[in-house]
Structures are given as structure tokens and as C-alpha cells.
PDB file of all heavy atoms in Angstrom:
ATOM      1  N   GLN A   1       7.263  -9.231  16.900  1.00  0.00           N
ATOM      2  CA  GLN A   1       6.482  -8.011  16.689  1.00  0.00           C
ATOM      3  C   GLN A   1       7.236  -7.002  15.821  1.00  0.00           C
ATOM      4  O   GLN A   1       6.628  -6.322  14.989  1.00  0.00           O
ATOM      5  CB  GLN A   1       6.135  -7.389  18.039  1.00  0.00           C
ATOM      6  CG  GLN A   1       5.121  -8.192  18.846  1.00  0.00           C
ATOM      7  CD  GLN A   1       4.715  -7.485  20.112  1.00  0.00           C
ATOM      8  OE1 GLN A   1       5.289  -6.462  20.473  1.00  0.00           O
ATOM      9  NE2 GLN A   1       3.735  -8.037  20.804  1.00  0.00           N
ATOM     10  N   GLN A   2       8.540  -6.908  15.990  1.00  0.00           N
ATOM     11  CA  GLN A   2       9.311  -6.004  15.143  1.00  0.00           C
ATOM     12  C   GLN A   2       9.293  -6.456  13.685  1.00  0.00           C
ATOM     13  O   GLN A   2       9.198  -5.636  12.765  1.00  0.00           O
ATOM     14  CB  GLN A   2      10.746  -5.916  15.655  1.00  0.00           C
ATOM     15  CG  GLN A   2      10.896  -5.173  16.962  1.00  0.00           C
ATOM     16  CD  GLN A   2      12.322  -5.141  17.448  1.00  0.00           C
ATOM     17  OE1 GLN A   2      13.193  -5.845  16.906  1.00  0.00           O
ATOM     18  NE2 GLN A   2      12.593  -4.352  18.479  1.00  0.00           N
ATOM     19  N   GLY A   3       9.374  -7.764  13.469  1.00  0.00           N
ATOM     20  CA  GLY A   3       9.297  -8.278  12.103  1.00  0.00           C
ATOM     21  C   GLY A   3       7.956  -7.973  11.454  1.00  0.00           C
ATOM     22  O   GLY A   3       7.885  -7.581  10.283  1.00  0.00           O
ATOM     23  N   ILE A   4       6.865  -8.161  12.224  1.00  0.00           N
ATOM     24  CA  ILE A   4       5.538  -7.837  11.693  1.00  0.00           C
ATOM     25  C   ILE A   4       5.425  -6.340  11.411  1.00  0.00           C
ATOM     26  O   ILE A   4       4.833  -5.915  10.404  1.00  0.00           O
ATOM     27  CB  ILE A   4       4.450  -8.293  12.682  1.00  0.00           C
ATOM     28  CG1 ILE A   4       4.458  -9.819  12.805  1.00  0.00           C
ATOM     29  CG2 ILE A   4       3.077  -7.811  12.250  1.00  0.00           C
ATOM     30  CD1 ILE A   4       4.106 -10.539  11.522  1.00  0.00           C
ATOM     31  N   PHE A   5       6.018  -5.518  12.301  1.00  0.00           N
ATOM     32  CA  PHE A   5       5.979  -4.071  12.092  1.00  0.00           C
ATOM     33  C   PHE A   5       6.685  -3.686  10.797  1.00  0.00           C
ATOM     34  O   PHE A   5       6.154  -2.917   9.989  1.00  0.00           O
ATOM     35  CB  PHE A   5       6.616  -3.346  13.274  1.00  0.00           C
ATOM     36  CG  PHE A   5       6.825  -1.879  13.033  1.00  0.00           C
ATOM     37  CD1 PHE A   5       5.768  -0.992  13.124  1.00  0.00           C
ATOM     38  CD2 PHE A   5       8.091  -1.392  12.696  1.00  0.00           C
ATOM     39  CE1 PHE A   5       5.953   0.371  12.885  1.00  0.00           C
ATOM     40  CE2 PHE A   5       8.278  -0.045  12.464  1.00  0.00           C
ATOM     41  CZ  PHE A   5       7.205   0.839  12.562  1.00  0.00           C
ATOM     42  N   TYR A   6       7.888  -4.194  10.575  1.00  0.00           N
ATOM     43  CA  TYR A   6       8.626  -3.845   9.359  1.00  0.00           C
ATOM     44  C   TYR A   6       7.918  -4.373   8.116  1.00  0.00           C
ATOM     45  O   TYR A   6       7.912  -3.715   7.065  1.00  0.00           O
ATOM     46  CB  TYR A   6      10.047  -4.392   9.430  1.00  0.00           C
ATOM     47  CG  TYR A   6      10.932  -3.625  10.390  1.00  0.00           C
ATOM     48  CD1 TYR A   6      11.535  -4.255  11.472  1.00  0.00           C
ATOM     49  CD2 TYR A   6      11.165  -2.263  10.198  1.00  0.00           C
ATOM     50  CE1 TYR A   6      12.340  -3.545  12.349  1.00  0.00           C
ATOM     51  CE2 TYR A   6      11.971  -1.550  11.069  1.00  0.00           C
ATOM     52  CZ  TYR A   6      12.550  -2.196  12.138  1.00  0.00           C
ATOM     53  OH  TYR A   6      13.335  -1.477  12.997  1.00  0.00           O
ATOM     54  N   LEU A   7       7.290  -5.536   8.223  1.00  0.00           N
ATOM     55  CA  LEU A   7       6.556  -6.089   7.078  1.00  0.00           C
ATOM     56  C   LEU A   7       5.351  -5.210   6.728  1.00  0.00           C
ATOM     57  O   LEU A   7       5.135  -4.858   5.562  1.00  0.00           O
ATOM     58  CB  LEU A   7       6.111  -7.513   7.401  1.00  0.00           C
ATOM     59  CG  LEU A   7       5.292  -8.218   6.318  1.00  0.00           C
ATOM     60  CD1 LEU A   7       6.123  -8.398   5.057  1.00  0.00           C
ATOM     61  CD2 LEU A   7       4.786  -9.566   6.821  1.00  0.00           C
ATOM     62  N   LEU A   8       4.578  -4.833   7.752  1.00  0.00           N
ATOM     63  CA  LEU A   8       3.406  -3.981   7.505  1.00  0.00           C
ATOM     64  C   LEU A   8       3.813  -2.587   7.051  1.00  0.00           C
ATOM     65  O   LEU A   8       3.151  -1.985   6.189  1.00  0.00           O
ATOM     66  CB  LEU A   8       2.551  -3.894   8.773  1.00  0.00           C
ATOM     67  CG  LEU A   8       1.791  -5.162   9.164  1.00  0.00           C
ATOM     68  CD1 LEU A   8       1.091  -4.968  10.501  1.00  0.00           C
ATOM     69  CD2 LEU A   8       0.785  -5.542   8.097  1.00  0.00           C
ATOM     70  N   ALA A   9       4.902  -2.048   7.610  1.00  0.00           N
ATOM     71  CA  ALA A   9       5.358  -0.714   7.209  1.00  0.00           C
ATOM     72  C   ALA A   9       5.825  -0.720   5.755  1.00  0.00           C
ATOM     73  O   ALA A   9       5.509   0.202   4.988  1.00  0.00           O
ATOM     74  CB  ALA A   9       6.474  -0.246   8.134  1.00  0.00           C
ATOM     75  N   ALA A  10       6.570  -1.748   5.353  1.00  0.00           N
ATOM     76  CA  ALA A  10       7.014  -1.832   3.957  1.00  0.00           C
ATOM     77  C   ALA A  10       5.829  -2.006   3.017  1.00  0.00           C
ATOM     78  O   ALA A  10       5.770  -1.404   1.935  1.00  0.00           O
ATOM     79  CB  ALA A  10       7.998  -2.992   3.799  1.00  0.00           C
ATOM     80  N   GLN A  11       4.862  -2.814   3.439  1.00  0.00           N
ATOM     81  CA  GLN A  11       3.656  -3.007   2.624  1.00  0.00           C
ATOM     82  C   GLN A  11       2.870  -1.704   2.498  1.00  0.00           C
ATOM     83  O   GLN A  11       2.351  -1.381   1.421  1.00  0.00           O
ATOM     84  CB  GLN A  11       2.798  -4.093   3.259  1.00  0.00           C
ATOM     85  CG  GLN A  11       1.537  -4.429   2.506  1.00  0.00           C
ATOM     86  CD  GLN A  11       0.781  -5.565   3.156  1.00  0.00           C
ATOM     87  OE1 GLN A  11       1.380  -6.463   3.737  1.00  0.00           O
ATOM     88  NE2 GLN A  11      -0.520  -5.536   3.052  1.00  0.00           N
ATOM     89  N   LEU A  12       2.789  -0.928   3.593  1.00  0.00           N
ATOM     90  CA  LEU A  12       2.061   0.341   3.562  1.00  0.00           C
ATOM     91  C   LEU A  12       2.753   1.345   2.639  1.00  0.00           C
ATOM     92  O   LEU A  12       2.088   2.037   1.850  1.00  0.00           O
ATOM     93  CB  LEU A  12       1.947   0.899   4.975  1.00  0.00           C
ATOM     94  CG  LEU A  12       1.039   2.110   5.191  1.00  0.00           C
ATOM     95  CD1 LEU A  12       0.375   2.018   6.546  1.00  0.00           C
ATOM     96  CD2 LEU A  12       1.818   3.410   5.125  1.00  0.00           C
ATOM     97  N   VAL A  13       4.080   1.454   2.729  1.00  0.00           N
ATOM     98  CA  VAL A  13       4.805   2.396   1.877  1.00  0.00           C
ATOM     99  C   VAL A  13       4.684   1.996   0.403  1.00  0.00           C
ATOM    100  O   VAL A  13       4.475   2.849  -0.475  1.00  0.00           O
ATOM    101  CB  VAL A  13       6.282   2.476   2.311  1.00  0.00           C
ATOM    102  CG1 VAL A  13       7.099   3.297   1.331  1.00  0.00           C
ATOM    103  CG2 VAL A  13       6.388   3.073   3.704  1.00  0.00           C
ATOM    104  N   PHE A  14       4.787   0.700   0.125  1.00  0.00           N
ATOM    105  CA  PHE A  14       4.650   0.232  -1.259  1.00  0.00           C
ATOM    106  C   PHE A  14       3.260   0.517  -1.808  1.00  0.00           C
ATOM    107  O   PHE A  14       3.109   1.023  -2.932  1.00  0.00           O
ATOM    108  CB  PHE A  14       4.958  -1.271  -1.319  1.00  0.00           C
ATOM    109  CG  PHE A  14       4.599  -1.897  -2.638  1.00  0.00           C
ATOM    110  CD1 PHE A  14       5.404  -1.678  -3.754  1.00  0.00           C
ATOM    111  CD2 PHE A  14       3.469  -2.690  -2.758  1.00  0.00           C
ATOM    112  CE1 PHE A  14       5.072  -2.256  -4.975  1.00  0.00           C
ATOM    113  CE2 PHE A  14       3.136  -3.267  -3.976  1.00  0.00           C
ATOM    114  CZ  PHE A  14       3.943  -3.046  -5.091  1.00  0.00           C
ATOM    115  N   ALA A  15       2.216   0.223  -1.016  1.00  0.00           N
ATOM    116  CA  ALA A  15       0.845   0.450  -1.477  1.00  0.00           C
ATOM    117  C   ALA A  15       0.553   1.935  -1.656  1.00  0.00           C
ATOM    118  O   ALA A  15      -0.109   2.342  -2.615  1.00  0.00           O
ATOM    119  CB  ALA A  15      -0.146  -0.167  -0.491  1.00  0.00           C
ATOM    120  N   ALA A  16       1.073   2.781  -0.745  1.00  0.00           N
ATOM    121  CA  ALA A  16       0.866   4.226  -0.879  1.00  0.00           C
ATOM    122  C   ALA A  16       1.570   4.768  -2.116  1.00  0.00           C
ATOM    123  O   ALA A  16       1.041   5.660  -2.800  1.00  0.00           O
ATOM    124  CB  ALA A  16       1.365   4.938   0.376  1.00  0.00           C
ATOM    125  N   ALA A  17       2.756   4.242  -2.425  1.00  0.00           N
ATOM    126  CA  ALA A  17       3.453   4.677  -3.644  1.00  0.00           C
ATOM    127  C   ALA A  17       2.708   4.231  -4.893  1.00  0.00           C
ATOM    128  O   ALA A  17       2.647   4.968  -5.887  1.00  0.00           O
ATOM    129  CB  ALA A  17       4.881   4.131  -3.643  1.00  0.00           C
ATOM    130  N   MET A  18       2.117   3.050  -4.852  1.00  0.00           N
ATOM    131  CA  MET A  18       1.364   2.566  -6.012  1.00  0.00           C
ATOM    132  C   MET A  18       0.075   3.348  -6.218  1.00  0.00           C
ATOM    133  O   MET A  18      -0.420   3.459  -7.344  1.00  0.00           O
ATOM    134  CB  MET A  18       1.049   1.076  -5.843  1.00  0.00           C
ATOM    135  CG  MET A  18       2.276   0.182  -5.920  1.00  0.00           C
ATOM    136  SD  MET A  18       3.156   0.293  -7.484  1.00  0.00           S
ATOM    137  CE  MET A  18       1.958  -0.433  -8.581  1.00  0.00           C
ATOM    138  N   VAL A  19      -0.493   3.895  -5.145  1.00  0.00           N
ATOM    139  CA  VAL A  19      -1.727   4.682  -5.278  1.00  0.00           C
ATOM    140  C   VAL A  19      -1.494   5.897  -6.168  1.00  0.00           C
ATOM    141  O   VAL A  19      -2.342   6.250  -7.003  1.00  0.00           O
ATOM    142  CB  VAL A  19      -2.245   5.106  -3.883  1.00  0.00           C
ATOM    143  CG1 VAL A  19      -3.347   6.148  -4.007  1.00  0.00           C
ATOM    144  CG2 VAL A  19      -2.777   3.898  -3.139  1.00  0.00           C
ATOM    145  N   ILE A  20      -0.350   6.541  -6.022  1.00  0.00           N
ATOM    146  CA  ILE A  20      -0.090   7.777  -6.772  1.00  0.00           C
ATOM    147  C   ILE A  20       0.661   7.538  -8.067  1.00  0.00           C
ATOM    148  O   ILE A  20       0.804   8.465  -8.872  1.00  0.00           O
ATOM    149  CB  ILE A  20       0.689   8.785  -5.904  1.00  0.00           C
ATOM    150  CG1 ILE A  20       2.015   8.199  -5.471  1.00  0.00           C
ATOM    151  CG2 ILE A  20      -0.131   9.203  -4.707  1.00  0.00           C
ATOM    152  CD1 ILE A  20       2.896   9.162  -4.709  1.00  0.00           C
ATOM    153  N   THR A  21       1.161   6.326  -8.319  1.00  0.00           N
ATOM    154  CA  THR A  21       1.896   6.062  -9.552  1.00  0.00           C
ATOM    155  C   THR A  21       1.128   5.216 -10.549  1.00  0.00           C
ATOM    156  O   THR A  21       1.396   5.303 -11.750  1.00  0.00           O
ATOM    157  CB  THR A  21       3.229   5.367  -9.235  1.00  0.00           C
ATOM    158  OG1 THR A  21       2.985   4.173  -8.473  1.00  0.00           O
ATOM    159  CG2 THR A  21       4.151   6.294  -8.458  1.00  0.00           C
ATOM    160  N   VAL A  22       0.193   4.399 -10.100  1.00  0.00           N
ATOM    161  CA  VAL A  22      -0.535   3.552 -11.037  1.00  0.00           C
ATOM    162  C   VAL A  22      -1.495   4.416 -11.849  1.00  0.00           C
ATOM    163  O   VAL A  22      -2.032   5.419 -11.362  1.00  0.00           O
ATOM    164  CB  VAL A  22      -1.273   2.430 -10.269  1.00  0.00           C
ATOM    165  CG1 VAL A  22      -2.491   2.967  -9.532  1.00  0.00           C
ATOM    166  CG2 VAL A  22      -1.681   1.304 -11.203  1.00  0.00           C
ATOM    167  N   ARG A  23      -1.718   4.035 -13.110  1.00  0.00           N
ATOM    168  CA  ARG A  23      -2.522   4.846 -14.015  1.00  0.00           C
ATOM    169  C   ARG A  23      -4.002   4.495 -13.961  1.00  0.00           C
ATOM    170  O   ARG A  23      -4.844   5.345 -14.199  1.00  0.00           O
ATOM    171  CB  ARG A  23      -2.010   4.665 -15.456  1.00  0.00           C
ATOM    172  CG  ARG A  23      -0.554   5.030 -15.622  1.00  0.00           C
ATOM    173  CD  ARG A  23      -0.319   6.505 -15.373  1.00  0.00           C
ATOM    174  NE  ARG A  23       1.090   6.872 -15.464  1.00  0.00           N
ATOM    175  CZ  ARG A  23       1.693   7.196 -16.589  1.00  0.00           C
ATOM    176  NH1 ARG A  23       1.016   7.184 -17.716  1.00  0.00           N
ATOM    177  NH2 ARG A  23       2.965   7.534 -16.584  1.00  0.00           N
ATOM    178  N   ASN A  24      -4.310   3.267 -13.663  1.00  0.00           N
ATOM    179  CA  ASN A  24      -5.712   2.837 -13.620  1.00  0.00           C
ATOM    180  C   ASN A  24      -6.342   3.274 -12.297  1.00  0.00           C
ATOM    181  O   ASN A  24      -5.848   2.924 -11.225  1.00  0.00           O
ATOM    182  CB  ASN A  24      -5.794   1.316 -13.767  1.00  0.00           C
ATOM    183  CG  ASN A  24      -7.198   0.843 -14.061  1.00  0.00           C
ATOM    184  OD1 ASN A  24      -8.159   1.588 -13.878  1.00  0.00           O
ATOM    185  ND2 ASN A  24      -7.322  -0.381 -14.530  1.00  0.00           N
ATOM    186  N   PRO A  25      -7.452   4.050 -12.321  1.00  0.00           N
ATOM    187  CA  PRO A  25      -8.037   4.522 -11.055  1.00  0.00           C
ATOM    188  C   PRO A  25      -8.620   3.395 -10.201  1.00  0.00           C
ATOM    189  O   PRO A  25      -8.629   3.507  -8.979  1.00  0.00           O
ATOM    190  CB  PRO A  25      -9.111   5.510 -11.504  1.00  0.00           C
ATOM    191  CG  PRO A  25      -9.398   5.169 -12.915  1.00  0.00           C
ATOM    192  CD  PRO A  25      -8.151   4.616 -13.489  1.00  0.00           C
ATOM    193  N   VAL A  26      -9.101   2.328 -10.829  1.00  0.00           N
ATOM    194  CA  VAL A  26      -9.639   1.211 -10.049  1.00  0.00           C
ATOM    195  C   VAL A  26      -8.517   0.518  -9.283  1.00  0.00           C
ATOM    196  O   VAL A  26      -8.655   0.197  -8.097  1.00  0.00           O
ATOM    197  CB  VAL A  26     -10.381   0.222 -10.968  1.00  0.00           C
ATOM    198  CG1 VAL A  26     -10.876  -0.975 -10.179  1.00  0.00           C
ATOM    199  CG2 VAL A  26     -11.543   0.910 -11.672  1.00  0.00           C
ATOM    200  N   LYS A  27      -7.381   0.308  -9.939  1.00  0.00           N
ATOM    201  CA  LYS A  27      -6.234  -0.296  -9.253  1.00  0.00           C
ATOM    202  C   LYS A  27      -5.704   0.628  -8.161  1.00  0.00           C
ATOM    203  O   LYS A  27      -5.276   0.159  -7.101  1.00  0.00           O
ATOM    204  CB  LYS A  27      -5.135  -0.608 -10.260  1.00  0.00           C
ATOM    205  CG  LYS A  27      -5.490  -1.715 -11.233  1.00  0.00           C
ATOM    206  CD  LYS A  27      -4.339  -1.988 -12.179  1.00  0.00           C
ATOM    207  CE  LYS A  27      -4.699  -3.107 -13.158  1.00  0.00           C
ATOM    208  NZ  LYS A  27      -3.587  -3.358 -14.111  1.00  0.00           N
ATOM    209  N   ALA A  28      -5.732   1.935  -8.403  1.00  0.00           N
ATOM    210  CA  ALA A  28      -5.297   2.882  -7.375  1.00  0.00           C
ATOM    211  C   ALA A  28      -6.191   2.805  -6.142  1.00  0.00           C
ATOM    212  O   ALA A  28      -5.709   2.845  -5.002  1.00  0.00           O
ATOM    213  CB  ALA A  28      -5.299   4.305  -7.942  1.00  0.00           C
ATOM    214  N   ALA A  29      -7.499   2.662  -6.356  1.00  0.00           N
ATOM    215  CA  ALA A  29      -8.416   2.535  -5.219  1.00  0.00           C
ATOM    216  C   ALA A  29      -8.173   1.230  -4.465  1.00  0.00           C
ATOM    217  O   ALA A  29      -8.234   1.191  -3.229  1.00  0.00           O
ATOM    218  CB  ALA A  29      -9.862   2.610  -5.708  1.00  0.00           C
ATOM    219  N   LEU A  30      -7.865   0.160  -5.181  1.00  0.00           N
ATOM    220  CA  LEU A  30      -7.583  -1.119  -4.513  1.00  0.00           C
ATOM    221  C   LEU A  30      -6.268  -1.055  -3.736  1.00  0.00           C
ATOM    222  O   LEU A  30      -6.157  -1.619  -2.634  1.00  0.00           O
ATOM    223  CB  LEU A  30      -7.544  -2.247  -5.546  1.00  0.00           C
ATOM    224  CG  LEU A  30      -8.893  -2.574  -6.207  1.00  0.00           C
ATOM    225  CD1 LEU A  30      -8.713  -3.637  -7.271  1.00  0.00           C
ATOM    226  CD2 LEU A  30      -9.905  -3.031  -5.167  1.00  0.00           C
ATOM    227  N   PHE A  31      -5.273  -0.373  -4.268  1.00  0.00           N
ATOM    228  CA  PHE A  31      -4.031  -0.187  -3.510  1.00  0.00           C
ATOM    229  C   PHE A  31      -4.263   0.692  -2.286  1.00  0.00           C
ATOM    230  O   PHE A  31      -3.613   0.509  -1.249  1.00  0.00           O
ATOM    231  CB  PHE A  31      -2.956   0.424  -4.404  1.00  0.00           C
ATOM    232  CG  PHE A  31      -2.188  -0.581  -5.210  1.00  0.00           C
ATOM    233  CD1 PHE A  31      -2.280  -0.597  -6.580  1.00  0.00           C
ATOM    234  CD2 PHE A  31      -1.378  -1.522  -4.582  1.00  0.00           C
ATOM    235  CE1 PHE A  31      -1.579  -1.529  -7.331  1.00  0.00           C
ATOM    236  CE2 PHE A  31      -0.675  -2.463  -5.315  1.00  0.00           C
ATOM    237  CZ  PHE A  31      -0.776  -2.463  -6.698  1.00  0.00           C
ATOM    238  N   LEU A  32      -5.191   1.638  -2.374  1.00  0.00           N
ATOM    239  CA  LEU A  32      -5.525   2.440  -1.201  1.00  0.00           C
ATOM    240  C   LEU A  32      -6.192   1.591  -0.118  1.00  0.00           C
ATOM    241  O   LEU A  32      -5.976   1.808   1.082  1.00  0.00           O
ATOM    242  CB  LEU A  32      -6.436   3.600  -1.613  1.00  0.00           C
ATOM    243  CG  LEU A  32      -6.698   4.677  -0.564  1.00  0.00           C
ATOM    244  CD1 LEU A  32      -5.398   5.285  -0.072  1.00  0.00           C
ATOM    245  CD2 LEU A  32      -7.597   5.759  -1.128  1.00  0.00           C
ATOM    246  N   VAL A  33      -7.000   0.614  -0.535  1.00  0.00           N
ATOM    247  CA  VAL A  33      -7.570  -0.342   0.428  1.00  0.00           C
ATOM    248  C   VAL A  33      -6.455  -1.115   1.125  1.00  0.00           C
ATOM    249  O   VAL A  33      -6.481  -1.298   2.356  1.00  0.00           O
ATOM    250  CB  VAL A  33      -8.536  -1.298  -0.291  1.00  0.00           C
ATOM    251  CG1 VAL A  33      -8.949  -2.439   0.627  1.00  0.00           C
ATOM    252  CG2 VAL A  33      -9.772  -0.560  -0.768  1.00  0.00           C
ATOM    253  N   LEU A  34      -5.453  -1.557   0.372  1.00  0.00           N
ATOM    254  CA  LEU A  34      -4.317  -2.258   0.974  1.00  0.00           C
ATOM    255  C   LEU A  34      -3.551  -1.350   1.937  1.00  0.00           C
ATOM    256  O   LEU A  34      -3.080  -1.797   2.987  1.00  0.00           O
ATOM    257  CB  LEU A  34      -3.382  -2.765  -0.133  1.00  0.00           C
ATOM    258  CG  LEU A  34      -2.146  -3.547   0.319  1.00  0.00           C
ATOM    259  CD1 LEU A  34      -2.543  -4.795   1.094  1.00  0.00           C
ATOM    260  CD2 LEU A  34      -1.282  -3.902  -0.886  1.00  0.00           C
ATOM    261  N   THR A  35      -3.454  -0.059   1.610  1.00  0.00           N
ATOM    262  CA  THR A  35      -2.797   0.897   2.507  1.00  0.00           C
ATOM    263  C   THR A  35      -3.546   1.009   3.826  1.00  0.00           C
ATOM    264  O   THR A  35      -2.944   1.000   4.912  1.00  0.00           O
ATOM    265  CB  THR A  35      -2.719   2.272   1.829  1.00  0.00           C
ATOM    266  OG1 THR A  35      -2.056   2.141   0.576  1.00  0.00           O
ATOM    267  CG2 THR A  35      -1.971   3.258   2.695  1.00  0.00           C
ATOM    268  N   PHE A  36      -4.879   1.114   3.763  1.00  0.00           N
ATOM    269  CA  PHE A  36      -5.673   1.214   4.987  1.00  0.00           C
ATOM    270  C   PHE A  36      -5.578  -0.059   5.824  1.00  0.00           C
ATOM    271  O   PHE A  36      -5.508   0.012   7.055  1.00  0.00           O
ATOM    272  CB  PHE A  36      -7.136   1.493   4.632  1.00  0.00           C
ATOM    273  CG  PHE A  36      -7.375   2.892   4.123  1.00  0.00           C
ATOM    274  CD1 PHE A  36      -8.360   3.144   3.182  1.00  0.00           C
ATOM    275  CD2 PHE A  36      -6.623   3.949   4.581  1.00  0.00           C
ATOM    276  CE1 PHE A  36      -8.577   4.421   2.715  1.00  0.00           C
ATOM    277  CE2 PHE A  36      -6.837   5.236   4.120  1.00  0.00           C
ATOM    278  CZ  PHE A  36      -7.816   5.469   3.177  1.00  0.00           C
ATOM    279  N   VAL A  37      -5.566  -1.208   5.188  1.00  0.00           N
ATOM    280  CA  VAL A  37      -5.459  -2.475   5.933  1.00  0.00           C
ATOM    281  C   VAL A  37      -4.099  -2.579   6.626  1.00  0.00           C
ATOM    282  O   VAL A  37      -4.001  -3.021   7.780  1.00  0.00           O
ATOM    283  CB  VAL A  37      -5.714  -3.663   4.991  1.00  0.00           C
ATOM    284  CG1 VAL A  37      -5.419  -4.976   5.694  1.00  0.00           C
ATOM    285  CG2 VAL A  37      -7.152  -3.654   4.494  1.00  0.00           C
TER     286      VAL A  37
END
């Protein structure tokens, strides 16, 4: 469970960072979907 937690937390932080750094708004919305998941 700790491994799954760290994996999901790293994925969430990466996706949230990509939402505000990516230039394409469609890709930003898709990264936001990954953040919510």
C-alpha cells in the first residue's frame, strides 16, 4: 500500500505540474484528468 501511495502521489504531482507548464490547452486538460484519477 505504501508503494501504491508513493506511485500515485508522484503521478499526481507530475500531472499537476504538467497542467500548468504545458502550452497546449487540450493536453493540459488531459493532464488534469490524470490528476483527478
